[in-house]
Amino acid sequence: MAILLALFSVPSFFQVDYNHVMADGISRSNKWVIWPLLQAVVWGALLLIYLRSRTEIPGSAWLASLGRWSYSTYIWHILIVTLLKNKRLWMSP
């Protein structure tokens, strides 16, 4: 958290100029490219910590079930849309 606060205190560190140093709101600094790398390192560390731990996230079984249904809906929708299109019931040319 201290790193994040320190980065926000530096004018024009990010791609978007949150401190309004530039008139158009876009940072001219090339240092903003460090932020995606820093984010990737932090999320990767968080993922490794979770994978190495023996604890479960509360509600993880429910979230897994929700994800399974969501993915199934995503996969099936293209087949249904194609069938409806071929039967000319929907999306006629």
PDB file of N, CA and C in Angstrom:
ATOM      1  N   MET A   1       0.816  -1.179   0.000  1.00  0.00           N
ATOM      2  CA  MET A   1       0.000   0.000   0.000  1.00  0.00           C
ATOM      3  C   MET A   1       0.868   1.255   0.000  1.00  0.00           C
ATOM      4  N   ALA A   2       1.977   1.192   0.700  1.00  0.00           N
ATOM      5  CA  ALA A   2       2.885   2.342   0.750  1.00  0.00           C
ATOM      6  C   ALA A   2       3.478   2.628  -0.622  1.00  0.00           C
ATOM      7  N   ILE A   3       3.755   1.560  -1.382  1.00  0.00           N
ATOM      8  CA  ILE A   3       4.297   1.743  -2.737  1.00  0.00           C
ATOM      9  C   ILE A   3       3.269   2.457  -3.610  1.00  0.00           C
ATOM     10  N   LEU A   4       2.031   2.028  -3.515  1.00  0.00           N
ATOM     11  CA  LEU A   4       0.962   2.633  -4.311  1.00  0.00           C
ATOM     12  C   LEU A   4       0.798   4.118  -3.965  1.00  0.00           C
ATOM     13  N   LEU A   5       0.811   4.442  -2.684  1.00  0.00           N
ATOM     14  CA  LEU A   5       0.698   5.840  -2.267  1.00  0.00           C
ATOM     15  C   LEU A   5       1.894   6.657  -2.757  1.00  0.00           C
ATOM     16  N   ALA A   6       3.064   6.056  -2.718  1.00  0.00           N
ATOM     17  CA  ALA A   6       4.256   6.757  -3.197  1.00  0.00           C
ATOM     18  C   ALA A   6       4.167   7.006  -4.703  1.00  0.00           C
ATOM     19  N   LEU A   7       3.658   6.036  -5.453  1.00  0.00           N
ATOM     20  CA  LEU A   7       3.540   6.211  -6.902  1.00  0.00           C
ATOM     21  C   LEU A   7       2.513   7.279  -7.255  1.00  0.00           C
ATOM     22  N   PHE A   8       1.419   7.337  -6.519  1.00  0.00           N
ATOM     23  CA  PHE A   8       0.417   8.368  -6.779  1.00  0.00           C
ATOM     24  C   PHE A   8       0.911   9.761  -6.413  1.00  0.00           C
ATOM     25  N   SER A   9       1.913   9.851  -5.538  1.00  0.00           N
ATOM     26  CA  SER A   9       2.439  11.156  -5.162  1.00  0.00           C
ATOM     27  C   SER A   9       3.389  11.718  -6.212  1.00  0.00           C
ATOM     28  N   VAL A  10       3.884  10.873  -7.127  1.00  0.00           N
ATOM     29  CA  VAL A  10       4.775  11.318  -8.194  1.00  0.00           C
ATOM     30  C   VAL A  10       3.919  11.856  -9.346  1.00  0.00           C
ATOM     31  N   PRO A  11       4.081  13.123  -9.694  1.00  0.00           N
ATOM     32  CA  PRO A  11       3.277  13.667 -10.782  1.00  0.00           C
ATOM     33  C   PRO A  11       3.540  12.927 -12.097  1.00  0.00           C
ATOM     34  N   SER A  12       2.500  12.589 -12.796  1.00  0.00           N
ATOM     35  CA  SER A  12       2.560  11.978 -14.126  1.00  0.00           C
ATOM     36  C   SER A  12       3.266  10.621 -14.146  1.00  0.00           C
ATOM     37  N   PHE A  13       3.160   9.837 -13.077  1.00  0.00           N
ATOM     38  CA  PHE A  13       3.770   8.503 -13.108  1.00  0.00           C
ATOM     39  C   PHE A  13       2.987   7.566 -14.005  1.00  0.00           C
ATOM     40  N   PHE A  14       1.669   7.614 -13.921  1.00  0.00           N
ATOM     41  CA  PHE A  14       0.833   6.713 -14.702  1.00  0.00           C
ATOM     42  C   PHE A  14       0.599   7.285 -16.097  1.00  0.00           C
ATOM     43  N   GLN A  15       0.051   6.455 -16.983  1.00  0.00           N
ATOM     44  CA  GLN A  15      -0.227   6.908 -18.346  1.00  0.00           C
ATOM     45  C   GLN A  15      -1.233   8.062 -18.323  1.00  0.00           C
ATOM     46  N   VAL A  16      -2.242   7.937 -17.478  1.00  0.00           N
ATOM     47  CA  VAL A  16      -3.198   9.019 -17.300  1.00  0.00           C
ATOM     48  C   VAL A  16      -2.668   9.924 -16.205  1.00  0.00           C
ATOM     49  N   ASP A  17      -2.642  11.209 -16.474  1.00  0.00           N
ATOM     50  CA  ASP A  17      -2.088  12.180 -15.540  1.00  0.00           C
ATOM     51  C   ASP A  17      -3.123  12.509 -14.469  1.00  0.00           C
ATOM     52  N   TYR A  18      -3.095  11.769 -13.353  1.00  0.00           N
ATOM     53  CA  TYR A  18      -4.058  11.964 -12.277  1.00  0.00           C
ATOM     54  C   TYR A  18      -3.830  13.265 -11.510  1.00  0.00           C
ATOM     55  N   ASN A  19      -2.642  13.819 -11.595  1.00  0.00           N
ATOM     56  CA  ASN A  19      -2.329  15.047 -10.866  1.00  0.00           C
ATOM     57  C   ASN A  19      -2.566  16.296 -11.707  1.00  0.00           C
ATOM     58  N   HIS A  20      -3.027  16.129 -12.927  1.00  0.00           N
ATOM     59  CA  HIS A  20      -3.357  17.237 -13.829  1.00  0.00           C
ATOM     60  C   HIS A  20      -2.177  18.179 -14.052  1.00  0.00           C
ATOM     61  N   VAL A  21      -1.000  17.603 -14.242  1.00  0.00           N
ATOM     62  CA  VAL A  21       0.178  18.403 -14.554  1.00  0.00           C
ATOM     63  C   VAL A  21       0.102  18.856 -16.011  1.00  0.00           C
ATOM     64  N   MET A  22      -0.306  17.958 -16.890  1.00  0.00           N
ATOM     65  CA  MET A  22      -0.450  18.273 -18.309  1.00  0.00           C
ATOM     66  C   MET A  22      -1.879  18.734 -18.595  1.00  0.00           C
ATOM     67  N   ALA A  23      -2.016  19.621 -19.554  1.00  0.00           N
ATOM     68  CA  ALA A  23      -3.334  20.172 -19.879  1.00  0.00           C
ATOM     69  C   ALA A  23      -4.272  19.124 -20.470  1.00  0.00           C
ATOM     70  N   ASP A  24      -3.722  18.180 -21.261  1.00  0.00           N
ATOM     71  CA  ASP A  24      -4.585  17.177 -21.906  1.00  0.00           C
ATOM     72  C   ASP A  24      -4.809  15.937 -21.044  1.00  0.00           C
ATOM     73  N   GLY A  25      -4.160  15.847 -19.902  1.00  0.00           N
ATOM     74  CA  GLY A  25      -4.376  14.739 -18.987  1.00  0.00           C
ATOM     75  C   GLY A  25      -3.610  13.474 -19.326  1.00  0.00           C
ATOM     76  N   ILE A  26      -2.689  13.549 -20.277  1.00  0.00           N
ATOM     77  CA  ILE A  26      -1.889  12.376 -20.657  1.00  0.00           C
ATOM     78  C   ILE A  26      -0.452  12.611 -20.206  1.00  0.00           C
ATOM     79  N   SER A  27       0.103  11.643 -19.531  1.00  0.00           N
ATOM     80  CA  SER A  27       1.452  11.761 -19.000  1.00  0.00           C
ATOM     81  C   SER A  27       2.472  11.698 -20.131  1.00  0.00           C
ATOM     82  N   ARG A  28       3.489  12.505 -20.042  1.00  0.00           N
ATOM     83  CA  ARG A  28       4.591  12.486 -21.005  1.00  0.00           C
ATOM     84  C   ARG A  28       5.767  11.660 -20.479  1.00  0.00           C
ATOM     85  N   SER A  29       5.631  11.160 -19.268  1.00  0.00           N
ATOM     86  CA  SER A  29       6.705  10.381 -18.658  1.00  0.00           C
ATOM     87  C   SER A  29       6.706   8.962 -19.211  1.00  0.00           C
ATOM     88  N   ASN A  30       7.891   8.425 -19.457  1.00  0.00           N
ATOM     89  CA  ASN A  30       7.989   7.038 -19.913  1.00  0.00           C
ATOM     90  C   ASN A  30       8.055   6.059 -18.738  1.00  0.00           C
ATOM     91  N   LYS A  31       7.988   6.566 -17.521  1.00  0.00           N
ATOM     92  CA  LYS A  31       8.044   5.699 -16.340  1.00  0.00           C
ATOM     93  C   LYS A  31       6.743   4.966 -16.081  1.00  0.00           C
ATOM     94  N   TRP A  32       5.638   5.377 -16.725  1.00  0.00           N
ATOM     95  CA  TRP A  32       4.347   4.753 -16.452  1.00  0.00           C
ATOM     96  C   TRP A  32       4.314   3.293 -16.893  1.00  0.00           C
ATOM     97  N   VAL A  33       5.246   2.865 -17.742  1.00  0.00           N
ATOM     98  CA  VAL A  33       5.261   1.475 -18.183  1.00  0.00           C
ATOM     99  C   VAL A  33       5.658   0.521 -17.058  1.00  0.00           C
ATOM    100  N   ILE A  34       6.182   1.059 -15.963  1.00  0.00           N
ATOM    101  CA  ILE A  34       6.558   0.225 -14.822  1.00  0.00           C
ATOM    102  C   ILE A  34       5.302  -0.301 -14.111  1.00  0.00           C
ATOM    103  N   TRP A  35       4.212   0.457 -14.139  1.00  0.00           N
ATOM    104  CA  TRP A  35       3.006   0.097 -13.404  1.00  0.00           C
ATOM    105  C   TRP A  35       2.438  -1.265 -13.810  1.00  0.00           C
ATOM    106  N   PRO A  36       2.268  -1.582 -15.114  1.00  0.00           N
ATOM    107  CA  PRO A  36       1.756  -2.917 -15.452  1.00  0.00           C
ATOM    108  C   PRO A  36       2.671  -4.044 -14.964  1.00  0.00           C
ATOM    109  N   LEU A  37       3.986  -3.820 -15.004  1.00  0.00           N
ATOM    110  CA  LEU A  37       4.917  -4.820 -14.492  1.00  0.00           C
ATOM    111  C   LEU A  37       4.743  -5.004 -12.990  1.00  0.00           C
ATOM    112  N   LEU A  38       4.615  -3.909 -12.278  1.00  0.00           N
ATOM    113  CA  LEU A  38       4.417  -3.979 -10.828  1.00  0.00           C
ATOM    114  C   LEU A  38       3.113  -4.699 -10.490  1.00  0.00           C
ATOM    115  N   GLN A  39       2.067  -4.399 -11.240  1.00  0.00           N
ATOM    116  CA  GLN A  39       0.791  -5.072 -11.028  1.00  0.00           C
ATOM    117  C   GLN A  39       0.906  -6.572 -11.288  1.00  0.00           C
ATOM    118  N   ALA A  40       1.580  -6.938 -12.364  1.00  0.00           N
ATOM    119  CA  ALA A  40       1.743  -8.357 -12.690  1.00  0.00           C
ATOM    120  C   ALA A  40       2.513  -9.098 -11.608  1.00  0.00           C
ATOM    121  N   VAL A  41       3.541  -8.466 -11.070  1.00  0.00           N
ATOM    122  CA  VAL A  41       4.333  -9.096 -10.007  1.00  0.00           C
ATOM    123  C   VAL A  41       3.494  -9.286  -8.748  1.00  0.00           C
ATOM    124  N   VAL A  42       2.713  -8.267  -8.384  1.00  0.00           N
ATOM    125  CA  VAL A  42       1.893  -8.369  -7.176  1.00  0.00           C
ATOM    126  C   VAL A  42       0.814  -9.438  -7.340  1.00  0.00           C
ATOM    127  N   TRP A  43       0.114  -9.452  -8.485  1.00  0.00           N
ATOM    128  CA  TRP A  43      -0.927 -10.470  -8.697  1.00  0.00           C
ATOM    129  C   TRP A  43      -0.326 -11.869  -8.779  1.00  0.00           C
ATOM    130  N   GLY A  44       0.850 -11.993  -9.391  1.00  0.00           N
ATOM    131  CA  GLY A  44       1.519 -13.294  -9.446  1.00  0.00           C
ATOM    132  C   GLY A  44       1.906 -13.789  -8.065  1.00  0.00           C
ATOM    133  N   ALA A  45       2.411 -12.880  -7.227  1.00  0.00           N
ATOM    134  CA  ALA A  45       2.771 -13.248  -5.857  1.00  0.00           C
ATOM    135  C   ALA A  45       1.533 -13.669  -5.072  1.00  0.00           C
ATOM    136  N   LEU A  46       0.438 -12.937  -5.253  1.00  0.00           N
ATOM    137  CA  LEU A  46      -0.807 -13.282  -4.576  1.00  0.00           C
ATOM    138  C   LEU A  46      -1.301 -14.664  -4.999  1.00  0.00           C
ATOM    139  N   LEU A  47      -1.209 -14.939  -6.281  1.00  0.00           N
ATOM    140  CA  LEU A  47      -1.618 -16.247  -6.795  1.00  0.00           C
ATOM    141  C   LEU A  47      -0.744 -17.367  -6.241  1.00  0.00           C
ATOM    142  N   LEU A  48       0.554 -17.157  -6.203  1.00  0.00           N
ATOM    143  CA  LEU A  48       1.447 -18.176  -5.650  1.00  0.00           C
ATOM    144  C   LEU A  48       1.197 -18.400  -4.164  1.00  0.00           C
ATOM    145  N   ILE A  49       0.943 -17.332  -3.428  1.00  0.00           N
ATOM    146  CA  ILE A  49       0.637 -17.478  -2.001  1.00  0.00           C
ATOM    147  C   ILE A  49      -0.632 -18.296  -1.815  1.00  0.00           C
ATOM    148  N   TYR A  50      -1.645 -18.016  -2.631  1.00  0.00           N
ATOM    149  CA  TYR A  50      -2.900 -18.770  -2.531  1.00  0.00           C
ATOM    150  C   TYR A  50      -2.693 -20.244  -2.894  1.00  0.00           C
ATOM    151  N   LEU A  51      -1.950 -20.507  -3.966  1.00  0.00           N
ATOM    152  CA  LEU A  51      -1.745 -21.893  -4.392  1.00  0.00           C
ATOM    153  C   LEU A  51      -0.917 -22.697  -3.390  1.00  0.00           C
ATOM    154  N   ARG A  52      -0.027 -22.039  -2.675  1.00  0.00           N
ATOM    155  CA  ARG A  52       0.814 -22.744  -1.698  1.00  0.00           C
ATOM    156  C   ARG A  52       0.133 -22.901  -0.339  1.00  0.00           C
ATOM    157  N   SER A  53      -0.956 -22.172  -0.118  1.00  0.00           N
ATOM    158  CA  SER A  53      -1.624 -22.263   1.177  1.00  0.00           C
ATOM    159  C   SER A  53      -2.589 -23.438   1.202  1.00  0.00           C
ATOM    160  N   ARG A  54      -2.973 -23.844   2.383  1.00  0.00           N
ATOM    161  CA  ARG A  54      -3.898 -24.946   2.543  1.00  0.00           C
ATOM    162  C   ARG A  54      -5.319 -24.471   2.874  1.00  0.00           C
ATOM    163  N   THR A  55      -5.498 -23.188   2.932  1.00  0.00           N
ATOM    164  CA  THR A  55      -6.811 -22.655   3.287  1.00  0.00           C
ATOM    165  C   THR A  55      -7.681 -22.497   2.038  1.00  0.00           C
ATOM    166  N   GLU A  56      -8.982 -22.535   2.275  1.00  0.00           N
ATOM    167  CA  GLU A  56      -9.933 -22.340   1.191  1.00  0.00           C
ATOM    168  C   GLU A  56     -10.560 -20.963   1.277  1.00  0.00           C
ATOM    169  N   ILE A  57     -10.918 -20.440   0.140  1.00  0.00           N
ATOM    170  CA  ILE A  57     -11.631 -19.173   0.113  1.00  0.00           C
ATOM    171  C   ILE A  57     -13.085 -19.468   0.478  1.00  0.00           C
ATOM    172  N   PRO A  58     -13.667 -18.722   1.410  1.00  0.00           N
ATOM    173  CA  PRO A  58     -15.073 -18.960   1.755  1.00  0.00           C
ATOM    174  C   PRO A  58     -15.965 -18.785   0.521  1.00  0.00           C
ATOM    175  N   GLY A  59     -16.818 -19.765   0.290  1.00  0.00           N
ATOM    176  CA  GLY A  59     -17.730 -19.705  -0.852  1.00  0.00           C
ATOM    177  C   GLY A  59     -17.105 -20.133  -2.158  1.00  0.00           C
ATOM    178  N   SER A  60     -15.929 -20.759  -2.117  1.00  0.00           N
ATOM    179  CA  SER A  60     -15.248 -21.118  -3.355  1.00  0.00           C
ATOM    180  C   SER A  60     -16.011 -22.182  -4.146  1.00  0.00           C
ATOM    181  N   ALA A  61     -16.691 -23.095  -3.464  1.00  0.00           N
ATOM    182  CA  ALA A  61     -17.472 -24.108  -4.178  1.00  0.00           C
ATOM    183  C   ALA A  61     -18.625 -23.454  -4.935  1.00  0.00           C
ATOM    184  N   TRP A  62     -19.265 -22.471  -4.312  1.00  0.00           N
ATOM    185  CA  TRP A  62     -20.354 -21.753  -4.962  1.00  0.00           C
ATOM    186  C   TRP A  62     -19.836 -20.963  -6.162  1.00  0.00           C
ATOM    187  N   LEU A  63     -18.680 -20.297  -6.010  1.00  0.00           N
ATOM    188  CA  LEU A  63     -18.091 -19.546  -7.118  1.00  0.00           C
ATOM    189  C   LEU A  63     -17.691 -20.471  -8.270  1.00  0.00           C
ATOM    190  N   ALA A  64     -17.179 -21.663  -7.956  1.00  0.00           N
ATOM    191  CA  ALA A  64     -16.818 -22.623  -8.995  1.00  0.00           C
ATOM    192  C   ALA A  64     -18.053 -23.079  -9.759  1.00  0.00           C
ATOM    193  N   SER A  65     -19.145 -23.318  -9.039  1.00  0.00           N
ATOM    194  CA  SER A  65     -20.396 -23.717  -9.683  1.00  0.00           C
ATOM    195  C   SER A  65     -20.920 -22.606 -10.586  1.00  0.00           C
ATOM    196  N   LEU A  66     -20.869 -21.383 -10.106  1.00  0.00           N
ATOM    197  CA  LEU A  66     -21.301 -20.240 -10.898  1.00  0.00           C
ATOM    198  C   LEU A  66     -20.443 -20.105 -12.163  1.00  0.00           C
ATOM    199  N   GLY A  67     -19.161 -20.288 -12.033  1.00  0.00           N
ATOM    200  CA  GLY A  67     -18.262 -20.219 -13.178  1.00  0.00           C
ATOM    201  C   GLY A  67     -18.530 -21.313 -14.189  1.00  0.00           C
ATOM    202  N   ARG A  68     -18.854 -22.510 -13.706  1.00  0.00           N
ATOM    203  CA  ARG A  68     -19.174 -23.622 -14.599  1.00  0.00           C
ATOM    204  C   ARG A  68     -20.423 -23.307 -15.423  1.00  0.00           C
ATOM    205  N   TRP A  69     -21.454 -22.799 -14.762  1.00  0.00           N
ATOM    206  CA  TRP A  69     -22.691 -22.448 -15.475  1.00  0.00           C
ATOM    207  C   TRP A  69     -22.458 -21.294 -16.443  1.00  0.00           C
ATOM    208  N   SER A  70     -21.689 -20.325 -16.035  1.00  0.00           N
ATOM    209  CA  SER A  70     -21.403 -19.176 -16.885  1.00  0.00           C
ATOM    210  C   SER A  70     -20.665 -19.609 -18.143  1.00  0.00           C
ATOM    211  N   TYR A  71     -19.670 -20.461 -17.986  1.00  0.00           N
ATOM    212  CA  TYR A  71     -18.898 -20.930 -19.137  1.00  0.00           C
ATOM    213  C   TYR A  71     -19.769 -21.789 -20.048  1.00  0.00           C
ATOM    214  N   SER A  72     -20.633 -22.613 -19.460  1.00  0.00           N
ATOM    215  CA  SER A  72     -21.526 -23.442 -20.266  1.00  0.00           C
ATOM    216  C   SER A  72     -22.458 -22.573 -21.107  1.00  0.00           C
ATOM    217  N   THR A  73     -22.982 -21.524 -20.516  1.00  0.00           N
ATOM    218  CA  THR A  73     -23.850 -20.603 -21.252  1.00  0.00           C
ATOM    219  C   THR A  73     -23.070 -19.935 -22.380  1.00  0.00           C
ATOM    220  N   TYR A  74     -21.858 -19.558 -22.111  1.00  0.00           N
ATOM    221  CA  TYR A  74     -21.006 -18.921 -23.114  1.00  0.00           C
ATOM    222  C   TYR A  74     -20.743 -19.868 -24.289  1.00  0.00           C
ATOM    223  N   ILE A  75     -20.460 -21.116 -23.985  1.00  0.00           N
ATOM    224  CA  ILE A  75     -20.166 -22.087 -25.042  1.00  0.00           C
ATOM    225  C   ILE A  75     -21.414 -22.402 -25.869  1.00  0.00           C
ATOM    226  N   TRP A  76     -22.554 -22.587 -25.219  1.00  0.00           N
ATOM    227  CA  TRP A  76     -23.772 -22.988 -25.923  1.00  0.00           C
ATOM    228  C   TRP A  76     -24.416 -21.858 -26.720  1.00  0.00           C
ATOM    229  N   HIS A  77     -24.193 -20.620 -26.370  1.00  0.00           N
ATOM    230  CA  HIS A  77     -24.942 -19.540 -27.014  1.00  0.00           C
ATOM    231  C   HIS A  77     -24.640 -19.439 -28.503  1.00  0.00           C
ATOM    232  N   ILE A  78     -23.412 -19.732 -28.937  1.00  0.00           N
ATOM    233  CA  ILE A  78     -23.088 -19.626 -30.361  1.00  0.00           C
ATOM    234  C   ILE A  78     -23.837 -20.685 -31.174  1.00  0.00           C
ATOM    235  N   LEU A  79     -23.991 -21.878 -30.606  1.00  0.00           N
ATOM    236  CA  LEU A  79     -24.741 -22.928 -31.292  1.00  0.00           C
ATOM    237  C   LEU A  79     -26.207 -22.531 -31.430  1.00  0.00           C
ATOM    238  N   ILE A  80     -26.781 -22.005 -30.380  1.00  0.00           N
ATOM    239  CA  ILE A  80     -28.193 -21.609 -30.409  1.00  0.00           C
ATOM    240  C   ILE A  80     -28.412 -20.450 -31.378  1.00  0.00           C
ATOM    241  N   VAL A  81     -27.522 -19.471 -31.361  1.00  0.00           N
ATOM    242  CA  VAL A  81     -27.650 -18.338 -32.281  1.00  0.00           C
ATOM    243  C   VAL A  81     -27.515 -18.811 -33.728  1.00  0.00           C
ATOM    244  N   THR A  82     -26.590 -19.718 -33.993  1.00  0.00           N
ATOM    245  CA  THR A  82     -26.416 -20.245 -35.347  1.00  0.00           C
ATOM    246  C   THR A  82     -27.641 -21.017 -35.799  1.00  0.00           C
ATOM    247  N   LEU A  83     -28.201 -21.852 -34.932  1.00  0.00           N
ATOM    248  CA  LEU A  83     -29.408 -22.605 -35.293  1.00  0.00           C
ATOM    249  C   LEU A  83     -30.583 -21.672 -35.582  1.00  0.00           C
ATOM    250  N   LEU A  84     -30.764 -20.680 -34.753  1.00  0.00           N
ATOM    251  CA  LEU A  84     -31.851 -19.731 -34.983  1.00  0.00           C
ATOM    252  C   LEU A  84     -31.643 -18.944 -36.276  1.00  0.00           C
ATOM    253  N   LYS A  85     -30.422 -18.620 -36.556  1.00  0.00           N
ATOM    254  CA  LYS A  85     -30.116 -17.883 -37.787  1.00  0.00           C
ATOM    255  C   LYS A  85     -30.383 -18.759 -39.006  1.00  0.00           C
ATOM    256  N   ASN A  86     -29.985 -20.021 -38.932  1.00  0.00           N
ATOM    257  CA  ASN A  86     -30.190 -20.940 -40.058  1.00  0.00           C
ATOM    258  C   ASN A  86     -31.665 -21.244 -40.281  1.00  0.00           C
ATOM    259  N   LYS A  87     -32.444 -21.248 -39.247  1.00  0.00           N
ATOM    260  CA  LYS A  87     -33.887 -21.501 -39.362  1.00  0.00           C
ATOM    261  C   LYS A  87     -34.641 -20.224 -39.726  1.00  0.00           C
ATOM    262  N   ARG A  88     -33.901 -19.121 -39.842  1.00  0.00           N
ATOM    263  CA  ARG A  88     -34.474 -17.819 -40.159  1.00  0.00           C
ATOM    264  C   ARG A  88     -35.516 -17.365 -39.138  1.00  0.00           C
ATOM    265  N   LEU A  89     -35.313 -17.796 -37.908  1.00  0.00           N
ATOM    266  CA  LEU A  89     -36.204 -17.379 -36.841  1.00  0.00           C
ATOM    267  C   LEU A  89     -35.712 -16.063 -36.204  1.00  0.00           C
ATOM    268  N   TRP A  90     -34.487 -15.750 -36.480  1.00  0.00           N
ATOM    269  CA  TRP A  90     -33.893 -14.602 -35.829  1.00  0.00           C
ATOM    270  C   TRP A  90     -32.740 -14.081 -36.668  1.00  0.00           C
ATOM    271  N   MET A  91     -32.466 -12.839 -36.632  1.00  0.00           N
ATOM    272  CA  MET A  91     -31.360 -12.222 -37.340  1.00  0.00           C
ATOM    273  C   MET A  91     -31.387 -12.520 -38.835  1.00  0.00           C
ATOM    274  N   SER A  92     -32.487 -12.279 -39.472  1.00  0.00           N
ATOM    275  CA  SER A  92     -32.566 -12.518 -40.906  1.00  0.00           C
ATOM    276  C   SER A  92     -31.703 -11.491 -41.644  1.00  0.00           C
ATOM    277  N   PRO A  93     -31.101 -11.898 -42.767  1.00  0.00           N
ATOM    278  CA  PRO A  93     -30.182 -11.004 -43.496  1.00  0.00           C
ATOM    279  C   PRO A  93     -30.886  -9.844 -44.156  1.00  0.00           C
TER     280      PRO A  93
END
